[in-house]
């Protein structure tokens, strides 16, 4: 029965029995792996610091016939500053949740892993506005999982719309020309160009995104509505942001507080449902 060593990020955990946890680890080599960490909730456990959301490390995992078991972990990064800021923690929790839900077990997605790693790095240590970073993450996330919205051509007729005076953004497909759809929220050329440039940049350049308040609001509303419509789990993940009073410049309805995520929120499923 093999022992494997993998690099990964803890996206979720569930408390199990008296002192164990079941971790979901998004890895480079194997996609998502679910593994038991025995005794990790005991203060003296060598795994106590590794079994937290956001932790990036090298995990030694025993894979037997039953659930895999974590033997050891070398913690490389905890992204701790994310936990010290309410807004950053809420946004980081959404990133973890979206990547967890999009990463099937044993199906690698190197592009998605790179996106998550760089996004958490900039969220913890970068200088850009967290909401700008999230907008960049979200459009690149949709692209990485095969759900990129139309941006330069109409989602209905396929015509290039970059020169059109009026363009709308539909939750069902993305940008559409006025000839195809006469309802929905208009979107500016600046916002569409911003999304296009976000898709073209490298992960390592995401911290360079700087948006005006108006464009930030346009992109956030367009992408979140599209995500909720396109992904079965989109609304559930994005609901974490509802506790922020001013996401992208507009009040949000009160929802489950994102600050509760370490206990039973975005980073943790109901017990036993890892």
Foldseek 3Di string as FASTA:
>chain_A
DDKDKWKWFFLAWFDDPDAKIWTWTQTQQFGTATAIEPRLNDPPDQCVVVRFGGWIWIWTWADDPDHIYTPHTDTDDRLVQCLVDQQSLLLLLLLSLLSSVLTDTRDHQNQSRLLNVLLSVCSSDNDADNLLSSLLSLQQNCVSSVNHADQQAAQPPRHGCLPPPWWAADLPRGIHDCVVDVDHHTADSVLSVLSVVSNVDDSNCSSVGHDDLVSSLRSVVRRLSNQVSPDPCSCVSCQQCQCPQARSRHGHHHDDHNSCCRPDGSRYDYHPPD
